[in-house]
Amino acid sequence: MCKIISVTNRQLSGNFMQRINELASLGVPIILREKDLSESEYTELAKKALAITDNITLHTYINTARKLSHMKIHLPLRLLEERDISGFATVGASVHSVEEALKAQALGATYITAGHIFATDCKKGVPPRGLAFLKEVCKTVKIPVYAIGGITPENACEAVSAGAYGICVMSAFMQTYDVRTVYNDFRTSLITKN
């Protein structure tokens, strides 16, 4: 079965640490993506999240990951081009074209997130790249590709059918009152339609 990853946005969640705890209890891998925080603020948040679970990939702040001896990082492509990723067990990169996917792979990414695939409030007014884009990325690179952007239980199977190794979910996990039900909705959709 495909992997389901939660991407965080604490602005969308009531009790953020409780949400981390709920996701961790279900075994959902988490990308701690809090782009509005300074590095020192992010470091404090990362410490609290890592005290709950180590099933977390830190985002953007590579020095924080090194300082916390947590060798899983996700970077925007521009930072992947600039940073030394030696020693990291997991290196993710966000890509928005086939060329970027190939570049991320060449730079040592162990997986990529490709998007945004479907319309999403996070990218309001920006047309989605769509399933044809996702399919092209998946057949071009040799590393796992995760679909991101507007992923719902209703369309998740389309992303997997296009070749995605997994899906990344933000809003559905961050905004719900019942994480377990949302997670089960995704799992059921992916099991019954694939």
Protein backbone atom coordinates (compact mmCIF):
# COMPACT_ATOMS: atom_id res chain seq x y z
CA MET A 1 0.00 0.00 0.00
CA CYS A 2 1.17 3.54 -0.70
CA LYS A 3 2.59 5.69 2.05
CA ILE A 4 0.56 8.54 3.51
CA ILE A 5 2.59 11.45 4.91
CA SER A 6 1.26 14.38 6.92
CA VAL A 7 2.68 17.82 6.15
CA THR A 8 2.13 20.22 9.01
CA ASN A 9 0.68 23.69 9.16
CA ARG A 10 0.04 24.67 12.76
CA GLN A 11 -2.05 27.66 11.59
CA LEU A 12 -4.72 25.18 10.48
CA SER A 13 -4.72 23.12 13.66
CA GLY A 14 -6.23 23.97 17.04
CA ASN A 15 -3.92 22.13 19.45
CA PHE A 16 -0.85 21.49 17.32
CA MET A 17 1.09 19.24 19.71
CA GLN A 18 -2.03 17.16 20.26
CA ARG A 19 -2.29 16.81 16.47
CA ILE A 20 1.34 15.62 16.30
CA ASN A 21 0.55 13.11 19.02
CA GLU A 22 -2.56 11.83 17.18
CA LEU A 23 -0.64 11.40 13.92
CA ALA A 24 2.23 9.69 15.75
CA SER A 25 -0.16 7.25 17.43
CA LEU A 26 -1.35 6.17 13.97
CA GLY A 27 2.23 5.79 12.71
CA VAL A 28 1.81 8.56 10.13
CA PRO A 29 5.17 10.02 9.03
CA ILE A 30 5.28 13.79 9.46
CA ILE A 31 7.07 16.56 7.56
CA LEU A 32 7.35 19.43 10.05
CA ARG A 33 6.89 22.29 7.57
CA GLU A 34 6.41 25.56 9.44
CA LYS A 35 7.76 28.09 6.96
CA ASP A 36 6.75 31.21 8.87
CA LEU A 37 9.01 30.51 11.86
CA SER A 38 12.53 31.82 12.40
CA GLU A 39 15.16 29.11 12.82
CA SER A 40 15.26 29.54 16.60
CA GLU A 41 11.45 29.30 16.83
CA TYR A 42 11.49 26.29 14.51
CA THR A 43 14.17 24.60 16.63
CA GLU A 44 12.02 24.92 19.76
CA LEU A 45 8.99 23.52 17.94
CA ALA A 46 11.06 20.67 16.50
CA LYS A 47 12.33 19.73 19.98
CA LYS A 48 8.73 19.47 21.25
CA ALA A 49 7.59 17.44 18.22
CA LEU A 50 10.60 15.11 18.40
CA ALA A 51 9.85 14.49 22.08
CA ILE A 52 6.57 12.95 20.84
CA THR A 53 7.89 10.98 17.86
CA ASP A 54 11.02 10.58 15.77
CA ASN A 55 8.88 9.72 12.72
CA ILE A 56 9.41 13.31 11.60
CA THR A 57 11.31 14.86 8.73
CA LEU A 58 12.44 18.37 9.53
CA HIS A 59 11.95 21.07 6.87
CA THR A 60 14.22 23.83 5.55
CA TYR A 61 16.46 24.29 8.60
CA ILE A 62 19.33 21.90 7.99
CA ASN A 63 21.40 23.36 10.85
CA THR A 64 18.55 22.63 13.25
CA ALA A 65 18.45 19.02 12.06
CA ARG A 66 22.20 18.68 12.60
CA LYS A 67 22.02 20.37 16.01
CA LEU A 68 19.26 17.96 17.09
CA SER A 69 21.07 14.98 15.50
CA HIS A 70 17.96 14.26 13.47
CA MET A 71 19.16 13.20 10.05
CA LYS A 72 15.93 13.51 8.08
CA ILE A 73 15.46 16.76 6.15
CA HIS A 74 13.14 18.10 3.46
CA LEU A 75 14.36 21.08 1.44
CA PRO A 76 13.05 23.36 -1.25
CA LEU A 77 15.12 22.64 -4.37
CA ARG A 78 17.00 25.96 -4.16
CA LEU A 79 18.26 24.99 -0.67
CA LEU A 80 19.15 21.48 -1.79
CA GLU A 81 21.38 23.11 -4.42
CA GLU A 82 23.13 25.22 -1.77
CA ARG A 83 23.43 22.95 1.28
CA ASP A 84 25.74 20.11 2.29
CA ILE A 85 23.48 17.10 2.83
CA SER A 86 26.24 14.65 3.75
CA GLY A 87 25.31 12.45 6.69
CA PHE A 88 21.55 12.71 6.17
CA ALA A 89 19.72 9.38 5.93
CA THR A 90 16.62 10.95 4.37
CA VAL A 91 16.64 13.96 2.04
CA GLY A 92 13.41 15.15 0.48
CA ALA A 93 12.99 17.92 -2.06
CA SER A 94 9.98 19.84 -3.34
CA VAL A 95 9.76 19.96 -7.15
CA HIS A 96 7.44 21.57 -9.66
CA SER A 97 8.75 20.28 -13.00
CA VAL A 98 10.35 17.19 -14.54
CA GLU A 99 13.63 19.11 -14.84
CA GLU A 100 13.55 19.96 -11.13
CA ALA A 101 12.82 16.31 -10.29
CA LEU A 102 15.88 15.18 -12.25
CA LYS A 103 18.00 17.87 -10.61
CA ALA A 104 16.84 16.87 -7.10
CA GLN A 105 17.66 13.23 -7.83
CA ALA A 106 21.12 14.17 -9.13
CA LEU A 107 21.78 16.28 -6.02
CA GLY A 108 21.12 13.30 -3.75
CA ALA A 109 17.44 13.53 -2.79
CA THR A 110 16.14 10.19 -1.53
CA TYR A 111 12.54 11.17 -2.37
CA ILE A 112 10.66 14.10 -3.87
CA THR A 113 7.29 15.75 -3.42
CA ALA A 114 5.77 16.81 -6.74
CA GLY A 115 2.98 19.30 -6.92
CA HIS A 116 0.69 20.81 -6.63
CA ILE A 117 -1.39 18.12 -8.33
CA PHE A 118 -4.95 19.24 -7.61
CA ALA A 119 -6.45 22.65 -6.80
CA THR A 120 -5.72 23.64 -3.22
CA ASP A 121 -6.37 26.59 -0.92
CA CYS A 122 -2.64 26.64 -0.12
CA LYS A 123 -2.02 27.76 -3.72
CA LYS A 124 -5.24 29.68 -4.30
CA GLY A 125 -5.53 30.96 -7.87
CA VAL A 126 -2.52 28.96 -9.10
CA PRO A 127 -3.57 26.27 -11.61
CA PRO A 128 -2.68 22.73 -10.51
CA ARG A 129 -0.04 20.86 -12.48
CA GLY A 130 -2.27 17.82 -12.78
CA LEU A 131 -1.95 14.08 -13.14
CA ALA A 132 -0.13 14.15 -16.50
CA PHE A 133 2.66 16.13 -14.83
CA LEU A 134 2.78 13.66 -11.94
CA LYS A 135 2.90 10.69 -14.29
CA GLU A 136 5.79 12.23 -16.25
CA VAL A 137 7.79 12.92 -13.07
CA CYS A 138 7.17 9.39 -11.76
CA LYS A 139 8.36 7.71 -14.95
CA THR A 140 11.41 10.00 -15.25
CA VAL A 141 13.08 9.57 -11.84
CA LYS A 142 14.19 6.46 -9.97
CA ILE A 143 13.46 7.74 -6.43
CA PRO A 144 10.05 7.69 -4.70
CA VAL A 145 7.67 10.47 -5.73
CA TYR A 146 4.97 11.73 -3.37
CA ALA A 147 2.03 13.65 -4.78
CA ILE A 148 1.20 16.85 -2.90
CA GLY A 149 -1.45 19.53 -3.24
CA GLY A 150 -5.19 19.12 -2.93
CA ILE A 151 -4.99 15.42 -2.07
CA THR A 152 -8.26 14.05 -0.68
CA PRO A 153 -9.60 10.55 -0.05
CA GLU A 154 -11.60 10.96 -3.26
CA ASN A 155 -8.61 11.68 -5.52
CA ALA A 156 -5.69 10.00 -3.73
CA CYS A 157 -6.05 6.83 -5.78
CA GLU A 158 -5.68 8.86 -9.01
CA ALA A 159 -2.28 10.09 -7.80
CA VAL A 160 -1.17 6.56 -6.99
CA SER A 161 -2.50 5.30 -10.33
CA ALA A 162 -0.35 7.97 -12.00
CA GLY A 163 2.70 6.34 -10.42
CA ALA A 164 3.12 8.13 -7.08
CA TYR A 165 4.79 6.09 -4.36
CA GLY A 166 2.70 7.94 -1.81
CA ILE A 167 0.71 11.04 -0.99
CA CYS A 168 1.26 14.08 1.22
CA VAL A 169 -1.72 15.46 3.10
CA MET A 170 -1.87 18.79 4.89
CA SER A 171 -5.32 20.34 5.23
CA ALA A 172 -7.29 17.14 5.77
CA PHE A 173 -5.07 16.15 8.71
CA MET A 174 -4.56 19.63 10.15
CA GLN A 175 -8.19 20.79 10.04
CA THR A 176 -10.08 17.70 11.19
CA TYR A 177 -11.42 16.95 14.65
CA ASP A 178 -10.94 13.24 14.01
CA VAL A 179 -7.53 12.31 12.63
CA ARG A 180 -8.16 8.56 12.86
CA THR A 181 -11.28 8.77 10.67
CA VAL A 182 -9.51 10.90 8.06
CA TYR A 183 -6.55 8.50 8.02
CA ASN A 184 -8.89 5.53 7.65
CA ASP A 185 -10.77 7.30 4.84
CA PHE A 186 -7.49 7.67 2.93
CA ARG A 187 -6.48 4.07 3.59
CA THR A 188 -9.89 2.70 2.58
CA SER A 189 -9.89 4.75 -0.61
CA LEU A 190 -6.40 3.59 -1.55
CA ILE A 191 -7.12 -0.07 -0.76
CA THR A 192 -10.45 -0.31 -2.56
CA LYS A 193 -9.47 1.61 -5.68
CA ASN A 194 -6.04 0.12 -6.32
